[in-house]
Amino acid sequence: MKPIAPGTVIFHRHRGYGVITAVNLLTGWISARFGNEMRALDLNLSTDEVQHADGEPILFRRTPPDPMPHARLMGMVRQLHRAGYQRLYLYSWPKPSGLHWRWHLFAGPRNWMERPWREGWYGSGADYIFNPVMGWGDSPGETTEELASTLAQFDPTGLAQALGRDEDHTLWFETVCEALLPDYTFSLGWDKHDGPIPDSLPIIPIRRGVPPYAGPPLPWPPGWAKLWVATHLASTTATLLPKTKTDAKKGPAGAPSDAVR
């Protein structure tokens, strides 16, 4: 799906070719200019037959994407595991504020504590629509197959590192996906200040209104017990994102952004 932004050339069956001058995806309306510099026409993306200049329809998505992308990421990883990319892993954990959940994809050796960081392979519920790799903002309705293709096209070198076998983890991840999708995800983040590590995997809903998880207890991933020291995770530094230019970015009210901490 192509991005819809001011300046995009479009086609309307009655008006012909035009240029978008304003976009409001919250309401599903756009304004477009068709040859008249002084007059713009308002169009409803739900009913008007509007196309990109190459003929691709522009449709308005009535249902917004989930505020957390974790379930979609789980589905993508599951699909890639089945295609032979079994050395692809998903780490998710809460932000210090507790308002959002982070996610981090990595490939290669299964090292939960020293995970390689590749640009665009990590984010959170606070900033996922701006992720440069997945293109969440441009195509929030991508299927699992399309999402995997997006990652492969953007970073084929990174994804190539996931090619190989990790049967223990793949079986564990398949079991977790079967039990949790489409309404829940898991957390691997734990801090010694939170008390002893629980016996089963912590489960969280991905959207509001979802009842607490009531399914069977799920085990921690293979090899996780080796990270424990006196019933606590060996280190909490794994929950820190690398420093980026967004560290100093301010939110709408002037407060530090919760995108990266």
C-alpha atoms as a PDB file:
ATOM      1  CA  MET A   1       0.000   0.000   0.000  1.00  0.00           C
ATOM      2  CA  LYS A   2       1.416   3.371  -1.005  1.00  0.00           C
ATOM      3  CA  PRO A   3       1.564   6.272   1.447  1.00  0.00           C
ATOM      4  CA  ILE A   4      -1.152   8.921   1.259  1.00  0.00           C
ATOM      5  CA  ALA A   5       0.330  12.370   1.758  1.00  0.00           C
ATOM      6  CA  PRO A   6      -0.119  15.927   0.463  1.00  0.00           C
ATOM      7  CA  GLY A   7       1.390  16.151  -2.990  1.00  0.00           C
ATOM      8  CA  THR A   8       0.330  12.640  -4.008  1.00  0.00           C
ATOM      9  CA  VAL A   9      -1.004  12.479  -7.560  1.00  0.00           C
ATOM     10  CA  ILE A  10      -4.383  10.747  -7.690  1.00  0.00           C
ATOM     11  CA  PHE A  11      -7.130   9.886 -10.166  1.00  0.00           C
ATOM     12  CA  HIS A  12     -10.877  10.319  -9.723  1.00  0.00           C
ATOM     13  CA  ARG A  13     -13.285   8.778 -12.202  1.00  0.00           C
ATOM     14  CA  HIS A  14     -15.237  12.029 -12.666  1.00  0.00           C
ATOM     15  CA  ARG A  15     -12.592  14.683 -12.005  1.00  0.00           C
ATOM     16  CA  GLY A  16      -9.581  13.031 -13.657  1.00  0.00           C
ATOM     17  CA  TYR A  17      -6.072  13.534 -12.289  1.00  0.00           C
ATOM     18  CA  GLY A  18      -5.470  15.697  -9.259  1.00  0.00           C
ATOM     19  CA  VAL A  19      -3.125  16.365  -6.362  1.00  0.00           C
ATOM     20  CA  ILE A  20      -3.881  15.751  -2.680  1.00  0.00           C
ATOM     21  CA  THR A  21      -3.591  18.940  -0.632  1.00  0.00           C
ATOM     22  CA  ALA A  22      -4.617  17.651   2.826  1.00  0.00           C
ATOM     23  CA  VAL A  23      -5.125  14.276   4.511  1.00  0.00           C
ATOM     24  CA  ASN A  24      -7.120  13.312   7.593  1.00  0.00           C
ATOM     25  CA  LEU A  25      -6.880   9.564   8.087  1.00  0.00           C
ATOM     26  CA  LEU A  26      -8.679   9.797  11.424  1.00  0.00           C
ATOM     27  CA  THR A  27     -11.899  10.748   9.643  1.00  0.00           C
ATOM     28  CA  GLY A  28     -11.241   9.222   6.230  1.00  0.00           C
ATOM     29  CA  TRP A  29     -11.403  12.505   4.284  1.00  0.00           C
ATOM     30  CA  ILE A  30      -8.862  14.065   1.937  1.00  0.00           C
ATOM     31  CA  SER A  31      -8.793  17.335   0.036  1.00  0.00           C
ATOM     32  CA  ALA A  32      -7.624  17.333  -3.560  1.00  0.00           C
ATOM     33  CA  ARG A  33      -7.053  19.925  -6.298  1.00  0.00           C
ATOM     34  CA  PHE A  34      -8.155  19.116  -9.848  1.00  0.00           C
ATOM     35  CA  GLY A  35      -6.681  21.804 -12.111  1.00  0.00           C
ATOM     36  CA  ASN A  36      -8.044  24.735 -10.085  1.00  0.00           C
ATOM     37  CA  GLU A  37      -5.427  26.338  -7.844  1.00  0.00           C
ATOM     38  CA  MET A  38      -8.096  28.177  -5.825  1.00  0.00           C
ATOM     39  CA  ARG A  39     -10.568  25.373  -5.136  1.00  0.00           C
ATOM     40  CA  ALA A  40     -10.031  22.005  -3.482  1.00  0.00           C
ATOM     41  CA  LEU A  41     -12.539  19.151  -3.446  1.00  0.00           C
ATOM     42  CA  ASP A  42     -13.166  17.110  -0.279  1.00  0.00           C
ATOM     43  CA  LEU A  43     -13.359  13.357  -0.894  1.00  0.00           C
ATOM     44  CA  ASN A  44     -14.463  10.535   1.402  1.00  0.00           C
ATOM     45  CA  LEU A  45     -12.076   7.582   1.205  1.00  0.00           C
ATOM     46  CA  SER A  46     -14.857   5.246   2.346  1.00  0.00           C
ATOM     47  CA  THR A  47     -17.159   5.935  -0.615  1.00  0.00           C
ATOM     48  CA  ASP A  48     -15.400   7.923  -3.362  1.00  0.00           C
ATOM     49  CA  GLU A  49     -13.540   5.933  -5.983  1.00  0.00           C
ATOM     50  CA  VAL A  50     -10.099   7.491  -5.585  1.00  0.00           C
ATOM     51  CA  GLN A  51      -6.946   5.934  -7.006  1.00  0.00           C
ATOM     52  CA  HIS A  52      -3.230   6.582  -7.026  1.00  0.00           C
ATOM     53  CA  ALA A  53      -2.011   7.826 -10.378  1.00  0.00           C
ATOM     54  CA  ASP A  54      -0.977   4.273 -11.367  1.00  0.00           C
ATOM     55  CA  GLY A  55      -4.503   2.955 -10.734  1.00  0.00           C
ATOM     56  CA  GLU A  56      -4.084   1.457  -7.247  1.00  0.00           C
ATOM     57  CA  PRO A  57      -7.247   2.187  -5.207  1.00  0.00           C
ATOM     58  CA  ILE A  58      -6.981   4.366  -2.111  1.00  0.00           C
ATOM     59  CA  LEU A  59      -9.111   2.787   0.609  1.00  0.00           C
ATOM     60  CA  PHE A  60      -9.835   4.015   4.117  1.00  0.00           C
ATOM     61  CA  ARG A  61      -9.248   1.540   6.913  1.00  0.00           C
ATOM     62  CA  ARG A  62     -12.119   1.936   9.386  1.00  0.00           C
ATOM     63  CA  THR A  63     -10.585  -0.307  12.039  1.00  0.00           C
ATOM     64  CA  PRO A  64      -7.360   1.188  13.407  1.00  0.00           C
ATOM     65  CA  PRO A  65      -4.333  -1.066  13.844  1.00  0.00           C
ATOM     66  CA  ASP A  66      -3.661  -2.581  17.247  1.00  0.00           C
ATOM     67  CA  PRO A  67      -1.831  -0.136  19.525  1.00  0.00           C
ATOM     68  CA  MET A  68       0.705  -2.924  20.109  1.00  0.00           C
ATOM     69  CA  PRO A  69       2.327  -4.626  17.104  1.00  0.00           C
ATOM     70  CA  HIS A  70       3.547  -7.642  19.075  1.00  0.00           C
ATOM     71  CA  ALA A  71       0.904 -10.108  17.901  1.00  0.00           C
ATOM     72  CA  ARG A  72       1.537  -9.205  14.260  1.00  0.00           C
ATOM     73  CA  LEU A  73       5.261  -9.597  14.857  1.00  0.00           C
ATOM     74  CA  MET A  74       4.647 -13.012  16.408  1.00  0.00           C
ATOM     75  CA  GLY A  75       2.696 -14.070  13.333  1.00  0.00           C
ATOM     76  CA  MET A  76       5.483 -12.844  11.060  1.00  0.00           C
ATOM     77  CA  VAL A  77       8.200 -14.663  13.023  1.00  0.00           C
ATOM     78  CA  ARG A  78       6.087 -17.814  13.028  1.00  0.00           C
ATOM     79  CA  GLN A  79       5.720 -17.606   9.233  1.00  0.00           C
ATOM     80  CA  LEU A  80       9.449 -17.091   8.727  1.00  0.00           C
ATOM     81  CA  HIS A  81      10.257 -19.998  11.047  1.00  0.00           C
ATOM     82  CA  ARG A  82       8.137 -22.229   8.826  1.00  0.00           C
ATOM     83  CA  ALA A  83      10.053 -20.959   5.797  1.00  0.00           C
ATOM     84  CA  GLY A  84      13.376 -22.025   7.293  1.00  0.00           C
ATOM     85  CA  TYR A  85      14.395 -18.818   9.092  1.00  0.00           C
ATOM     86  CA  GLN A  86      14.398 -20.472  12.497  1.00  0.00           C
ATOM     87  CA  ARG A  87      17.206 -18.330  13.910  1.00  0.00           C
ATOM     88  CA  LEU A  88      14.880 -15.330  14.158  1.00  0.00           C
ATOM     89  CA  TYR A  89      13.880 -14.282  17.670  1.00  0.00           C
ATOM     90  CA  LEU A  90      11.459 -11.844  19.291  1.00  0.00           C
ATOM     91  CA  TYR A  91      12.200 -10.204  22.629  1.00  0.00           C
ATOM     92  CA  SER A  92       9.479  -8.077  24.247  1.00  0.00           C
ATOM     93  CA  TRP A  93       9.415  -6.264  27.559  1.00  0.00           C
ATOM     94  CA  PRO A  94       7.709  -3.297  29.294  1.00  0.00           C
ATOM     95  CA  LYS A  95       8.919   0.271  29.280  1.00  0.00           C
ATOM     96  CA  PRO A  96       9.856   1.786  32.633  1.00  0.00           C
ATOM     97  CA  SER A  97       6.690   3.878  32.510  1.00  0.00           C
ATOM     98  CA  GLY A  98       4.554   0.754  32.142  1.00  0.00           C
ATOM     99  CA  LEU A  99       2.454   2.510  29.474  1.00  0.00           C
ATOM    100  CA  HIS A 100       3.963   0.758  26.461  1.00  0.00           C
ATOM    101  CA  TRP A 101       5.696  -2.475  25.570  1.00  0.00           C
ATOM    102  CA  ARG A 102       8.911  -2.674  23.612  1.00  0.00           C
ATOM    103  CA  TRP A 103       9.852  -5.236  20.990  1.00  0.00           C
ATOM    104  CA  HIS A 104      13.142  -6.309  19.496  1.00  0.00           C
ATOM    105  CA  LEU A 105      13.728  -8.709  16.607  1.00  0.00           C
ATOM    106  CA  PHE A 106      17.179 -10.210  16.188  1.00  0.00           C
ATOM    107  CA  ALA A 107      18.763 -12.954  14.110  1.00  0.00           C
ATOM    108  CA  GLY A 108      21.748 -15.247  14.326  1.00  0.00           C
ATOM    109  CA  PRO A 109      22.974 -16.764  17.599  1.00  0.00           C
ATOM    110  CA  ARG A 110      20.264 -17.100  20.234  1.00  0.00           C
ATOM    111  CA  ASN A 111      21.787 -14.810  22.833  1.00  0.00           C
ATOM    112  CA  TRP A 112      19.013 -13.128  24.808  1.00  0.00           C
ATOM    113  CA  MET A 113      21.372 -10.930  26.825  1.00  0.00           C
ATOM    114  CA  GLU A 114      23.642  -9.641  24.038  1.00  0.00           C
ATOM    115  CA  ARG A 115      21.234  -9.254  21.165  1.00  0.00           C
ATOM    116  CA  PRO A 116      22.474  -7.548  17.978  1.00  0.00           C
ATOM    117  CA  TRP A 117      20.750  -4.251  17.200  1.00  0.00           C
ATOM    118  CA  ARG A 118      19.831  -3.463  13.609  1.00  0.00           C
ATOM    119  CA  GLU A 119      18.147  -0.193  12.680  1.00  0.00           C
ATOM    120  CA  GLY A 120      14.406  -0.660  12.415  1.00  0.00           C
ATOM    121  CA  TRP A 121      14.372  -4.086  14.081  1.00  0.00           C
ATOM    122  CA  TYR A 122      13.175  -2.669  17.398  1.00  0.00           C
ATOM    123  CA  GLY A 123      10.508  -0.287  18.656  1.00  0.00           C
ATOM    124  CA  SER A 124       7.551  -0.009  20.986  1.00  0.00           C
ATOM    125  CA  GLY A 125       3.832   0.513  21.146  1.00  0.00           C
ATOM    126  CA  ALA A 126       4.555   4.225  21.489  1.00  0.00           C
ATOM    127  CA  ASP A 127       6.371   4.652  18.175  1.00  0.00           C
ATOM    128  CA  TYR A 128       5.741   1.586  16.044  1.00  0.00           C
ATOM    129  CA  ILE A 129       3.809   3.428  13.325  1.00  0.00           C
ATOM    130  CA  PHE A 130       7.019   5.308  12.515  1.00  0.00           C
ATOM    131  CA  ASN A 131       9.232   2.223  12.234  1.00  0.00           C
ATOM    132  CA  PRO A 132      11.435   2.662   9.133  1.00  0.00           C
ATOM    133  CA  VAL A 133      11.625  -1.042   8.288  1.00  0.00           C
ATOM    134  CA  MET A 134       8.132  -2.367   8.780  1.00  0.00           C
ATOM    135  CA  GLY A 135       6.351   0.630   7.292  1.00  0.00           C
ATOM    136  CA  TRP A 136       3.563   0.419   9.862  1.00  0.00           C
ATOM    137  CA  GLY A 137       2.267   3.883   9.089  1.00  0.00           C
ATOM    138  CA  ASP A 138       2.052   3.271   5.339  1.00  0.00           C
ATOM    139  CA  SER A 139       0.564  -0.222   5.448  1.00  0.00           C
ATOM    140  CA  PRO A 140      -1.076  -1.013   8.792  1.00  0.00           C
ATOM    141  CA  GLY A 141      -3.185  -3.723   7.180  1.00  0.00           C
ATOM    142  CA  GLU A 142      -0.376  -5.878   5.771  1.00  0.00           C
ATOM    143  CA  THR A 143      -0.915  -9.621   6.018  1.00  0.00           C
ATOM    144  CA  THR A 144       1.615 -11.865   7.725  1.00  0.00           C
ATOM    145  CA  GLU A 145       3.134 -12.784   4.360  1.00  0.00           C
ATOM    146  CA  GLU A 146       3.334  -9.136   3.277  1.00  0.00           C
ATOM    147  CA  LEU A 147       4.932  -8.144   6.562  1.00  0.00           C
ATOM    148  CA  ALA A 148       7.618 -10.826   6.155  1.00  0.00           C
ATOM    149  CA  SER A 149       8.218  -9.615   2.603  1.00  0.00           C
ATOM    150  CA  THR A 150       8.562  -6.027   3.840  1.00  0.00           C
ATOM    151  CA  LEU A 151      11.310  -7.034   6.251  1.00  0.00           C
ATOM    152  CA  ALA A 152      13.061  -9.164   3.613  1.00  0.00           C
ATOM    153  CA  GLN A 153      13.064  -6.343   1.063  1.00  0.00           C
ATOM    154  CA  PHE A 154      14.274  -3.696   3.483  1.00  0.00           C
ATOM    155  CA  ASP A 155      17.072  -5.701   5.134  1.00  0.00           C
ATOM    156  CA  PRO A 156      17.868  -8.904   3.211  1.00  0.00           C
ATOM    157  CA  THR A 157      21.305  -9.056   4.813  1.00  0.00           C
ATOM    158  CA  GLY A 158      19.861  -9.033   8.305  1.00  0.00           C
ATOM    159  CA  LEU A 159      17.191 -11.594   7.523  1.00  0.00           C
ATOM    160  CA  ALA A 160      19.741 -13.886   5.864  1.00  0.00           C
ATOM    161  CA  GLN A 161      21.364 -14.279   9.270  1.00  0.00           C
ATOM    162  CA  ALA A 162      18.159 -15.963  10.480  1.00  0.00           C
ATOM    163  CA  LEU A 163      18.391 -18.752   7.908  1.00  0.00           C
ATOM    164  CA  GLY A 164      19.140 -22.004   9.716  1.00  0.00           C
ATOM    165  CA  ARG A 165      17.731 -24.430  12.251  1.00  0.00           C
ATOM    166  CA  ASP A 166      16.820 -23.867  15.885  1.00  0.00           C
ATOM    167  CA  GLU A 167      14.242 -26.579  16.380  1.00  0.00           C
ATOM    168  CA  ASP A 168      13.886 -26.226  20.162  1.00  0.00           C
ATOM    169  CA  HIS A 169      13.056 -22.538  20.003  1.00  0.00           C
ATOM    170  CA  THR A 170      10.876 -22.935  16.900  1.00  0.00           C
ATOM    171  CA  LEU A 171       8.764 -25.591  18.635  1.00  0.00           C
ATOM    172  CA  TRP A 172       8.464 -23.390  21.738  1.00  0.00           C
ATOM    173  CA  PHE A 173       7.487 -20.347  19.665  1.00  0.00           C
ATOM    174  CA  GLU A 174       4.901 -22.314  17.687  1.00  0.00           C
ATOM    175  CA  THR A 175       3.331 -23.510  20.948  1.00  0.00           C
ATOM    176  CA  VAL A 176       3.240 -19.964  22.329  1.00  0.00           C
ATOM    177  CA  CYS A 177       1.677 -18.560  19.143  1.00  0.00           C
ATOM    178  CA  GLU A 178      -0.972 -21.284  19.116  1.00  0.00           C
ATOM    179  CA  ALA A 179      -1.973 -20.420  22.673  1.00  0.00           C
ATOM    180  CA  LEU A 180      -1.777 -16.606  22.522  1.00  0.00           C
ATOM    181  CA  LEU A 181      -2.661 -15.297  19.068  1.00  0.00           C
ATOM    182  CA  PRO A 182      -4.423 -13.104  18.118  1.00  0.00           C
ATOM    183  CA  ASP A 183      -5.163 -11.377  21.437  1.00  0.00           C
ATOM    184  CA  TYR A 184      -2.086 -11.834  23.624  1.00  0.00           C
ATOM    185  CA  THR A 185       1.687 -11.611  23.612  1.00  0.00           C
ATOM    186  CA  PHE A 186       4.427 -12.517  26.065  1.00  0.00           C
ATOM    187  CA  SER A 187       7.016 -10.654  28.103  1.00  0.00           C
ATOM    188  CA  LEU A 188      10.632 -11.759  28.564  1.00  0.00           C
ATOM    189  CA  GLY A 189      11.667  -8.714  30.550  1.00  0.00           C
ATOM    190  CA  TRP A 190      12.170  -9.181  34.248  1.00  0.00           C
ATOM    191  CA  ASP A 191      13.919  -7.200  36.946  1.00  0.00           C
ATOM    192  CA  LYS A 192      15.138  -8.447  40.308  1.00  0.00           C
ATOM    193  CA  HIS A 193      13.181  -5.622  41.942  1.00  0.00           C
ATOM    194  CA  ASP A 194       9.985  -7.282  40.701  1.00  0.00           C
ATOM    195  CA  GLY A 195      10.629 -10.307  42.901  1.00  0.00           C
ATOM    196  CA  PRO A 196      11.354 -13.923  41.968  1.00  0.00           C
ATOM    197  CA  ILE A 197      10.967 -14.910  38.340  1.00  0.00           C
ATOM    198  CA  PRO A 198       7.563 -16.596  37.880  1.00  0.00           C
ATOM    199  CA  ASP A 199       7.358 -20.262  36.991  1.00  0.00           C
ATOM    200  CA  SER A 200       5.516 -19.581  33.727  1.00  0.00           C
ATOM    201  CA  LEU A 201       5.763 -17.009  30.958  1.00  0.00           C
ATOM    202  CA  PRO A 202       4.130 -13.607  31.742  1.00  0.00           C
ATOM    203  CA  ILE A 203       1.230 -12.970  29.327  1.00  0.00           C
ATOM    204  CA  ILE A 204      -0.231  -9.570  28.405  1.00  0.00           C
ATOM    205  CA  PRO A 205      -3.183  -8.524  26.184  1.00  0.00           C
ATOM    206  CA  ILE A 206      -2.338  -6.496  23.081  1.00  0.00           C
ATOM    207  CA  ARG A 207      -5.399  -4.242  23.187  1.00  0.00           C
ATOM    208  CA  ARG A 208      -7.891  -2.820  25.647  1.00  0.00           C
ATOM    209  CA  GLY A 209     -10.965  -4.811  26.560  1.00  0.00           C
ATOM    210  CA  VAL A 210      -9.278  -8.200  26.276  1.00  0.00           C
ATOM    211  CA  PRO A 211      -9.886 -10.323  29.400  1.00  0.00           C
ATOM    212  CA  PRO A 212      -6.875 -11.602  31.353  1.00  0.00           C
ATOM    213  CA  TYR A 213      -5.220 -14.651  29.853  1.00  0.00           C
ATOM    214  CA  ALA A 214      -6.892 -17.816  31.139  1.00  0.00           C
ATOM    215  CA  GLY A 215      -5.131 -20.455  29.044  1.00  0.00           C
ATOM    216  CA  PRO A 216      -2.566 -23.044  30.128  1.00  0.00           C
ATOM    217  CA  PRO A 217       0.712 -21.869  31.689  1.00  0.00           C
ATOM    218  CA  LEU A 218       3.436 -21.482  29.095  1.00  0.00           C
ATOM    219  CA  PRO A 219       7.132 -22.250  29.673  1.00  0.00           C
ATOM    220  CA  TRP A 220      10.001 -19.821  29.261  1.00  0.00           C
ATOM    221  CA  PRO A 221      12.010 -20.206  26.039  1.00  0.00           C
ATOM    222  CA  PRO A 222      14.691 -22.904  25.758  1.00  0.00           C
ATOM    223  CA  GLY A 223      17.914 -21.932  27.493  1.00  0.00           C
ATOM    224  CA  TRP A 224      16.269 -19.240  29.590  1.00  0.00           C
ATOM    225  CA  ALA A 225      17.088 -20.967  32.898  1.00  0.00           C
ATOM    226  CA  LYS A 226      20.810 -20.559  32.183  1.00  0.00           C
ATOM    227  CA  LEU A 227      20.385 -16.789  32.490  1.00  0.00           C
ATOM    228  CA  TRP A 228      19.156 -16.969  36.055  1.00  0.00           C
ATOM    229  CA  VAL A 229      21.290 -16.226  39.097  1.00  0.00           C
ATOM    230  CA  ALA A 230      19.714 -16.919  42.486  1.00  0.00           C
ATOM    231  CA  THR A 231      16.222 -16.949  40.911  1.00  0.00           C
ATOM    232  CA  HIS A 232      16.800 -13.559  39.283  1.00  0.00           C
ATOM    233  CA  LEU A 233      17.704 -12.676  35.718  1.00  0.00           C
ATOM    234  CA  ALA A 234      21.457 -12.499  35.344  1.00  0.00           C
ATOM    235  CA  SER A 235      21.340  -8.919  34.087  1.00  0.00           C
ATOM    236  CA  THR A 236      18.748  -6.241  33.463  1.00  0.00           C
ATOM    237  CA  THR A 237      20.840  -4.373  30.904  1.00  0.00           C
ATOM    238  CA  ALA A 238      19.175  -6.388  28.127  1.00  0.00           C
ATOM    239  CA  THR A 239      16.094  -4.195  28.459  1.00  0.00           C
ATOM    240  CA  LEU A 240      17.904  -1.037  27.322  1.00  0.00           C
ATOM    241  CA  LEU A 241      17.530   0.217  23.779  1.00  0.00           C
ATOM    242  CA  PRO A 242      20.599   1.656  22.021  1.00  0.00           C
ATOM    243  CA  LYS A 243      20.979   5.426  22.048  1.00  0.00           C
ATOM    244  CA  THR A 244      19.481   7.166  19.029  1.00  0.00           C
ATOM    245  CA  LYS A 245      18.758  10.703  17.911  1.00  0.00           C
ATOM    246  CA  THR A 246      15.223  10.344  19.264  1.00  0.00           C
ATOM    247  CA  ASP A 247      16.519  10.251  22.854  1.00  0.00           C
ATOM    248  CA  ALA A 248      16.190  14.001  23.163  1.00  0.00           C
ATOM    249  CA  LYS A 249      12.961  14.306  21.237  1.00  0.00           C
ATOM    250  CA  LYS A 250      10.171  16.074  23.080  1.00  0.00           C
ATOM    251  CA  GLY A 251       6.551  15.041  23.209  1.00  0.00           C
ATOM    252  CA  PRO A 252       3.553  17.269  22.396  1.00  0.00           C
ATOM    253  CA  ALA A 253       3.468  18.725  25.898  1.00  0.00           C
ATOM    254  CA  GLY A 254       7.208  19.378  26.012  1.00  0.00           C
ATOM    255  CA  ALA A 255       7.947  16.325  28.148  1.00  0.00           C
ATOM    256  CA  PRO A 256      10.704  13.886  27.109  1.00  0.00           C
ATOM    257  CA  SER A 257       9.438  11.399  24.549  1.00  0.00           C
ATOM    258  CA  ASP A 258       8.665   7.856  25.742  1.00  0.00           C
ATOM    259  CA  ALA A 259       9.804   6.486  22.371  1.00  0.00           C
ATOM    260  CA  VAL A 260      13.311   5.571  23.556  1.00  0.00           C
ATOM    261  CA  ARG A 261      14.605   5.491  27.125  1.00  0.00           C
END
